[in-house]
Amino acid sequence: MLIIKTMKKLLFIVLLLTAGSLLFTGCKKSGESPSDVSESKLTGKWLYVKVVDVEDGDTDTETFSNGEYVTFNKDGSAFNSESNETAQWSLSGNKLSLNYGNETEVAEVKKITGSELVLFYQEGGYTSTIYFKR
């Protein structure tokens, strides 16, 4: 009887440790880790898919189908066809800085793969999530 109680306690402890380790270790989805962000992955032409803006609880979604794009060049310059603006860009971890001369915007790279890019921008009560494809 003592052996059965000891085995039950041991089994309970093993199960508890296993469950705890599963809670604290998770799977990262491919392309979503900030360590996956690199200048070489970002460089090139990205077509707008949609922009989701949220301000004070109101959501506005704009979809694109006319070929609007952003190009990130190797020399650090960028061009946005949607706004017809040029900028200088730099990358630090998963933070993308766009300098438009007198204004700098910083976006977080939420996802980057060979074919998808998702940027997130936040300022005060305003957020913008921008989806691109190659």
N, C-alpha and C. Protein backbone atom coordinates (compact mmCIF):
# COMPACT_ATOMS: atom_id res chain seq x y z
N MET A 1 0.82 -1.19 0.00
CA MET A 1 0.00 0.00 0.00
C MET A 1 0.86 1.25 0.00
N LEU A 2 1.93 1.24 0.77
CA LEU A 2 2.84 2.37 0.83
C LEU A 2 3.50 2.62 -0.52
N ILE A 3 3.81 1.56 -1.22
CA ILE A 3 4.43 1.69 -2.55
C ILE A 3 3.47 2.35 -3.52
N ILE A 4 2.19 2.01 -3.46
CA ILE A 4 1.21 2.59 -4.37
C ILE A 4 1.05 4.09 -4.10
N LYS A 5 0.98 4.48 -2.82
CA LYS A 5 0.87 5.90 -2.47
C LYS A 5 2.11 6.67 -2.93
N THR A 6 3.28 6.10 -2.74
CA THR A 6 4.53 6.73 -3.18
C THR A 6 4.54 6.88 -4.70
N MET A 7 4.11 5.85 -5.42
CA MET A 7 4.09 5.90 -6.88
C MET A 7 3.08 6.96 -7.36
N LYS A 8 1.93 7.07 -6.68
CA LYS A 8 0.95 8.08 -7.06
C LYS A 8 1.51 9.49 -6.86
N LYS A 9 2.21 9.70 -5.75
CA LYS A 9 2.83 11.01 -5.49
C LYS A 9 3.88 11.32 -6.54
N LEU A 10 4.70 10.31 -6.86
CA LEU A 10 5.75 10.49 -7.86
C LEU A 10 5.13 10.80 -9.23
N LEU A 11 4.09 10.08 -9.60
CA LEU A 11 3.41 10.33 -10.86
C LEU A 11 2.81 11.73 -10.89
N PHE A 12 2.20 12.14 -9.77
CA PHE A 12 1.62 13.47 -9.67
C PHE A 12 2.69 14.55 -9.85
N ILE A 13 3.84 14.37 -9.22
CA ILE A 13 4.94 15.33 -9.33
C ILE A 13 5.46 15.40 -10.77
N VAL A 14 5.61 14.25 -11.41
CA VAL A 14 6.09 14.22 -12.80
C VAL A 14 5.08 14.92 -13.71
N LEU A 15 3.79 14.64 -13.52
CA LEU A 15 2.77 15.30 -14.34
C LEU A 15 2.74 16.80 -14.09
N LEU A 16 2.90 17.20 -12.84
CA LEU A 16 2.92 18.62 -12.51
C LEU A 16 4.11 19.33 -13.16
N LEU A 17 5.27 18.72 -13.10
CA LEU A 17 6.46 19.30 -13.73
C LEU A 17 6.31 19.37 -15.25
N THR A 18 5.75 18.33 -15.84
CA THR A 18 5.54 18.31 -17.30
C THR A 18 4.57 19.41 -17.71
N ALA A 19 3.46 19.52 -16.99
CA ALA A 19 2.48 20.56 -17.31
C ALA A 19 3.08 21.95 -17.14
N GLY A 20 3.85 22.14 -16.08
CA GLY A 20 4.49 23.43 -15.85
C GLY A 20 5.46 23.79 -16.95
N SER A 21 6.24 22.82 -17.40
CA SER A 21 7.20 23.11 -18.46
C SER A 21 6.49 23.42 -19.77
N LEU A 22 5.37 22.78 -20.02
CA LEU A 22 4.61 23.07 -21.24
C LEU A 22 4.01 24.47 -21.21
N LEU A 23 3.64 24.93 -20.03
CA LEU A 23 3.09 26.28 -19.91
C LEU A 23 4.13 27.35 -20.18
N PHE A 24 5.36 27.08 -19.79
CA PHE A 24 6.41 28.10 -19.91
C PHE A 24 7.22 27.99 -21.19
N THR A 25 7.00 26.97 -21.97
CA THR A 25 7.66 26.88 -23.27
C THR A 25 6.58 26.88 -24.32
N GLY A 26 6.73 27.70 -25.33
CA GLY A 26 5.73 27.78 -26.38
C GLY A 26 6.40 27.69 -27.72
N CYS A 27 5.60 27.46 -28.70
CA CYS A 27 6.11 27.41 -30.06
C CYS A 27 6.00 28.79 -30.67
N LYS A 28 7.05 29.23 -31.30
CA LYS A 28 7.01 30.50 -32.03
C LYS A 28 6.64 30.17 -33.46
N LYS A 29 5.77 30.97 -34.02
CA LYS A 29 5.40 30.77 -35.40
C LYS A 29 6.51 31.31 -36.28
N SER A 30 6.77 30.60 -37.34
CA SER A 30 7.84 30.99 -38.25
C SER A 30 7.57 32.38 -38.82
N GLY A 31 8.60 33.22 -38.82
CA GLY A 31 8.48 34.55 -39.40
C GLY A 31 7.94 35.59 -38.44
N GLU A 32 7.69 35.24 -37.19
CA GLU A 32 7.12 36.20 -36.28
C GLU A 32 8.06 36.61 -35.17
N SER A 33 9.24 36.04 -35.14
CA SER A 33 10.19 36.38 -34.10
C SER A 33 11.00 37.60 -34.51
N PRO A 34 11.21 38.54 -33.59
CA PRO A 34 12.03 39.70 -33.94
C PRO A 34 13.41 39.31 -34.45
N SER A 35 13.92 38.15 -34.04
CA SER A 35 15.24 37.72 -34.52
C SER A 35 15.21 37.35 -36.00
N ASP A 36 14.00 37.13 -36.55
CA ASP A 36 13.87 36.81 -37.97
C ASP A 36 13.93 38.05 -38.85
N VAL A 37 13.83 39.23 -38.25
CA VAL A 37 13.82 40.47 -39.02
C VAL A 37 15.25 40.81 -39.41
N SER A 38 15.45 41.04 -40.70
CA SER A 38 16.77 41.44 -41.18
C SER A 38 16.59 42.40 -42.35
N GLU A 39 17.62 43.19 -42.59
CA GLU A 39 17.57 44.13 -43.70
C GLU A 39 17.39 43.41 -45.02
N SER A 40 18.04 42.25 -45.17
CA SER A 40 17.91 41.51 -46.43
C SER A 40 16.49 41.01 -46.66
N LYS A 41 15.78 40.62 -45.60
CA LYS A 41 14.39 40.19 -45.75
C LYS A 41 13.47 41.36 -46.06
N LEU A 42 13.77 42.52 -45.51
CA LEU A 42 12.92 43.69 -45.68
C LEU A 42 13.14 44.37 -47.03
N THR A 43 14.36 44.33 -47.53
CA THR A 43 14.70 45.01 -48.77
C THR A 43 13.87 44.46 -49.93
N GLY A 44 13.35 45.37 -50.72
CA GLY A 44 12.59 44.99 -51.90
C GLY A 44 11.24 45.70 -51.95
N LYS A 45 10.42 45.24 -52.87
CA LYS A 45 9.11 45.85 -53.12
C LYS A 45 8.04 45.05 -52.40
N TRP A 46 7.21 45.76 -51.62
CA TRP A 46 6.11 45.16 -50.88
C TRP A 46 4.80 45.80 -51.32
N LEU A 47 3.85 44.99 -51.76
CA LEU A 47 2.54 45.49 -52.18
C LEU A 47 1.61 45.60 -50.99
N TYR A 48 0.90 46.72 -50.91
CA TYR A 48 -0.11 46.89 -49.86
C TYR A 48 -1.23 45.86 -50.06
N VAL A 49 -1.68 45.23 -48.98
CA VAL A 49 -2.85 44.36 -49.00
C VAL A 49 -4.00 45.06 -48.28
N LYS A 50 -3.75 45.46 -47.03
CA LYS A 50 -4.76 46.22 -46.29
C LYS A 50 -4.12 46.96 -45.14
N VAL A 51 -4.84 47.99 -44.68
CA VAL A 51 -4.44 48.78 -43.52
C VAL A 51 -5.63 48.80 -42.57
N VAL A 52 -5.37 48.44 -41.32
CA VAL A 52 -6.42 48.47 -40.29
C VAL A 52 -6.02 49.53 -39.27
N ASP A 53 -6.79 50.62 -39.25
CA ASP A 53 -6.55 51.72 -38.32
C ASP A 53 -7.59 51.65 -37.20
N VAL A 54 -7.13 51.85 -35.98
CA VAL A 54 -8.04 51.91 -34.84
C VAL A 54 -7.74 53.19 -34.07
N GLU A 55 -8.79 54.00 -33.88
CA GLU A 55 -8.63 55.24 -33.13
C GLU A 55 -9.83 55.40 -32.21
N ASP A 56 -9.54 55.50 -30.93
CA ASP A 56 -10.58 55.67 -29.91
C ASP A 56 -11.69 54.62 -30.04
N GLY A 57 -11.30 53.38 -30.35
CA GLY A 57 -12.26 52.29 -30.45
C GLY A 57 -12.92 52.13 -31.80
N ASP A 58 -12.74 53.09 -32.71
CA ASP A 58 -13.32 53.00 -34.05
C ASP A 58 -12.30 52.38 -35.00
N THR A 59 -12.75 51.37 -35.75
CA THR A 59 -11.87 50.66 -36.68
C THR A 59 -12.20 51.04 -38.12
N ASP A 60 -11.16 51.31 -38.89
CA ASP A 60 -11.30 51.62 -40.31
C ASP A 60 -10.34 50.71 -41.07
N THR A 61 -10.87 49.95 -42.02
CA THR A 61 -10.06 49.03 -42.81
C THR A 61 -10.07 49.46 -44.26
N GLU A 62 -8.89 49.56 -44.83
CA GLU A 62 -8.75 49.91 -46.24
C GLU A 62 -8.03 48.77 -46.94
N THR A 63 -8.60 48.27 -48.03
CA THR A 63 -7.95 47.22 -48.81
C THR A 63 -7.42 47.83 -50.10
N PHE A 64 -6.40 47.20 -50.64
CA PHE A 64 -5.72 47.73 -51.82
C PHE A 64 -5.73 46.68 -52.94
N SER A 65 -5.95 47.15 -54.14
CA SER A 65 -5.91 46.24 -55.29
C SER A 65 -5.33 46.91 -56.53
N ASN A 66 -4.84 48.14 -56.38
CA ASN A 66 -4.34 48.89 -57.54
C ASN A 66 -2.82 48.89 -57.65
N GLY A 67 -2.16 48.00 -56.93
CA GLY A 67 -0.71 47.89 -57.04
C GLY A 67 0.08 48.88 -56.23
N GLU A 68 -0.53 49.53 -55.23
CA GLU A 68 0.22 50.44 -54.37
C GLU A 68 1.30 49.65 -53.63
N TYR A 69 2.44 50.28 -53.42
CA TYR A 69 3.57 49.54 -52.85
C TYR A 69 4.50 50.44 -52.05
N VAL A 70 5.37 49.77 -51.31
CA VAL A 70 6.49 50.41 -50.63
C VAL A 70 7.73 49.65 -51.05
N THR A 71 8.78 50.39 -51.39
CA THR A 71 10.06 49.76 -51.73
C THR A 71 11.10 50.18 -50.71
N PHE A 72 11.76 49.19 -50.12
CA PHE A 72 12.87 49.43 -49.21
C PHE A 72 14.15 49.09 -49.97
N ASN A 73 14.95 50.10 -50.28
CA ASN A 73 16.17 49.90 -51.06
C ASN A 73 17.35 49.58 -50.15
N LYS A 74 18.35 48.90 -50.72
CA LYS A 74 19.55 48.50 -49.96
C LYS A 74 20.31 49.70 -49.40
N ASP A 75 20.21 50.85 -50.07
CA ASP A 75 20.96 52.03 -49.63
C ASP A 75 20.27 52.77 -48.47
N GLY A 76 19.16 52.22 -47.96
CA GLY A 76 18.46 52.85 -46.84
C GLY A 76 17.37 53.83 -47.25
N SER A 77 17.15 53.98 -48.54
CA SER A 77 16.06 54.85 -49.00
C SER A 77 14.81 54.00 -49.19
N ALA A 78 13.67 54.67 -49.14
CA ALA A 78 12.40 54.00 -49.32
C ALA A 78 11.47 54.89 -50.14
N PHE A 79 10.55 54.24 -50.85
CA PHE A 79 9.54 54.98 -51.61
C PHE A 79 8.18 54.36 -51.36
N ASN A 80 7.19 55.20 -51.06
CA ASN A 80 5.82 54.77 -50.83
C ASN A 80 4.97 55.30 -51.98
N SER A 81 4.50 54.41 -52.85
CA SER A 81 3.72 54.86 -54.01
C SER A 81 2.34 55.36 -53.61
N GLU A 82 1.82 54.88 -52.49
CA GLU A 82 0.48 55.26 -52.05
C GLU A 82 0.43 56.74 -51.66
N SER A 83 1.49 57.22 -51.01
CA SER A 83 1.53 58.63 -50.61
C SER A 83 2.51 59.45 -51.46
N ASN A 84 3.21 58.77 -52.37
CA ASN A 84 4.22 59.39 -53.24
C ASN A 84 5.31 60.09 -52.42
N GLU A 85 5.75 59.43 -51.32
CA GLU A 85 6.76 59.99 -50.43
C GLU A 85 8.02 59.14 -50.44
N THR A 86 9.14 59.80 -50.23
CA THR A 86 10.40 59.10 -50.04
C THR A 86 10.82 59.26 -48.58
N ALA A 87 11.62 58.32 -48.12
CA ALA A 87 12.08 58.34 -46.73
C ALA A 87 13.41 57.60 -46.65
N GLN A 88 14.05 57.72 -45.53
CA GLN A 88 15.23 56.92 -45.19
C GLN A 88 14.75 55.91 -44.14
N TRP A 89 15.18 54.67 -44.28
CA TRP A 89 14.75 53.66 -43.33
C TRP A 89 15.94 53.01 -42.65
N SER A 90 15.71 52.54 -41.43
CA SER A 90 16.72 51.77 -40.70
C SER A 90 15.99 50.77 -39.83
N LEU A 91 16.73 49.74 -39.46
CA LEU A 91 16.16 48.64 -38.71
C LEU A 91 16.99 48.39 -37.47
N SER A 92 16.32 48.27 -36.32
CA SER A 92 16.99 47.94 -35.07
C SER A 92 16.15 46.87 -34.38
N GLY A 93 16.62 45.63 -34.42
CA GLY A 93 15.81 44.53 -33.91
C GLY A 93 14.58 44.38 -34.77
N ASN A 94 13.40 44.48 -34.16
CA ASN A 94 12.17 44.42 -34.94
C ASN A 94 11.51 45.80 -35.08
N LYS A 95 12.28 46.86 -34.85
CA LYS A 95 11.77 48.24 -34.97
C LYS A 95 12.26 48.84 -36.29
N LEU A 96 11.31 49.26 -37.10
CA LEU A 96 11.59 49.89 -38.39
C LEU A 96 11.36 51.38 -38.25
N SER A 97 12.41 52.17 -38.46
CA SER A 97 12.31 53.63 -38.41
C SER A 97 12.27 54.18 -39.82
N LEU A 98 11.31 55.05 -40.06
CA LEU A 98 11.18 55.75 -41.34
C LEU A 98 11.31 57.23 -41.08
N ASN A 99 12.34 57.84 -41.68
CA ASN A 99 12.61 59.26 -41.49
C ASN A 99 12.21 59.99 -42.77
N TYR A 100 11.23 60.88 -42.62
CA TYR A 100 10.71 61.67 -43.74
C TYR A 100 11.29 63.08 -43.74
N GLY A 101 12.50 63.24 -43.25
CA GLY A 101 13.12 64.55 -43.19
C GLY A 101 12.92 65.19 -41.83
N ASN A 102 11.75 65.77 -41.62
CA ASN A 102 11.48 66.43 -40.33
C ASN A 102 10.62 65.56 -39.40
N GLU A 103 10.27 64.36 -39.83
CA GLU A 103 9.42 63.49 -39.03
C GLU A 103 9.92 62.05 -39.12
N THR A 104 9.95 61.37 -37.98
CA THR A 104 10.34 59.97 -37.95
C THR A 104 9.22 59.14 -37.36
N GLU A 105 8.86 58.07 -38.04
CA GLU A 105 7.87 57.12 -37.55
C GLU A 105 8.58 55.81 -37.25
N VAL A 106 8.18 55.15 -36.17
CA VAL A 106 8.76 53.86 -35.81
C VAL A 106 7.63 52.84 -35.77
N ALA A 107 7.80 51.78 -36.54
CA ALA A 107 6.82 50.71 -36.60
C ALA A 107 7.46 49.42 -36.10
N GLU A 108 6.66 48.56 -35.56
CA GLU A 108 7.14 47.25 -35.11
C GLU A 108 6.86 46.23 -36.21
N VAL A 109 7.88 45.46 -36.57
CA VAL A 109 7.69 44.39 -37.54
C VAL A 109 7.08 43.21 -36.78
N LYS A 110 5.80 42.96 -37.02
CA LYS A 110 5.09 41.89 -36.33
C LYS A 110 5.32 40.54 -37.00
N LYS A 111 5.48 40.56 -38.33
CA LYS A 111 5.69 39.31 -39.07
C LYS A 111 6.45 39.63 -40.34
N ILE A 112 7.41 38.77 -40.66
CA ILE A 112 8.10 38.90 -41.93
C ILE A 112 8.48 37.50 -42.42
N THR A 113 8.07 37.21 -43.63
CA THR A 113 8.45 35.98 -44.31
C THR A 113 8.89 36.37 -45.71
N GLY A 114 9.15 35.41 -46.54
CA GLY A 114 9.52 35.72 -47.91
C GLY A 114 8.41 36.37 -48.69
N SER A 115 7.16 36.18 -48.24
CA SER A 115 6.02 36.71 -48.99
C SER A 115 5.07 37.60 -48.19
N GLU A 116 5.27 37.73 -46.88
CA GLU A 116 4.38 38.53 -46.05
C GLU A 116 5.15 39.46 -45.13
N LEU A 117 4.59 40.65 -44.95
CA LEU A 117 5.14 41.63 -44.02
C LEU A 117 3.97 42.28 -43.30
N VAL A 118 4.05 42.34 -41.96
CA VAL A 118 3.03 43.01 -41.16
C VAL A 118 3.73 44.01 -40.26
N LEU A 119 3.34 45.28 -40.38
CA LEU A 119 3.90 46.35 -39.56
C LEU A 119 2.82 46.87 -38.62
N PHE A 120 3.23 47.24 -37.42
CA PHE A 120 2.31 47.78 -36.42
C PHE A 120 2.86 49.11 -35.94
N TYR A 121 2.00 50.12 -35.96
CA TYR A 121 2.38 51.48 -35.55
C TYR A 121 1.39 51.94 -34.49
N GLN A 122 1.90 52.57 -33.44
CA GLN A 122 1.04 53.05 -32.37
C GLN A 122 1.50 54.42 -31.90
N GLU A 123 0.54 55.31 -31.74
CA GLU A 123 0.83 56.64 -31.18
C GLU A 123 -0.41 57.09 -30.41
N GLY A 124 -0.27 57.23 -29.11
CA GLY A 124 -1.40 57.62 -28.28
C GLY A 124 -2.52 56.60 -28.39
N GLY A 125 -3.73 57.06 -28.70
CA GLY A 125 -4.89 56.19 -28.85
C GLY A 125 -5.08 55.68 -30.26
N TYR A 126 -4.08 55.86 -31.12
CA TYR A 126 -4.18 55.46 -32.53
C TYR A 126 -3.24 54.30 -32.80
N THR A 127 -3.75 53.26 -33.47
CA THR A 127 -2.89 52.17 -33.93
C THR A 127 -3.18 51.89 -35.40
N SER A 128 -2.17 51.39 -36.07
CA SER A 128 -2.31 51.03 -37.47
C SER A 128 -1.55 49.73 -37.71
N THR A 129 -2.23 48.77 -38.30
CA THR A 129 -1.60 47.51 -38.69
C THR A 129 -1.65 47.46 -40.21
N ILE A 130 -0.47 47.31 -40.81
CA ILE A 130 -0.36 47.37 -42.28
C ILE A 130 0.13 46.02 -42.77
N TYR A 131 -0.62 45.46 -43.71
CA TYR A 131 -0.32 44.14 -44.27
C TYR A 131 0.20 44.30 -45.70
N PHE A 132 1.31 43.61 -45.99
CA PHE A 132 1.92 43.66 -47.32
C PHE A 132 2.14 42.23 -47.83
N LYS A 133 2.32 42.12 -49.12
CA LYS A 133 2.74 40.85 -49.74
C LYS A 133 3.75 41.15 -50.83
N ARG A 134 4.50 40.16 -51.22
CA ARG A 134 5.47 40.34 -52.32
C ARG A 134 4.78 40.10 -53.64
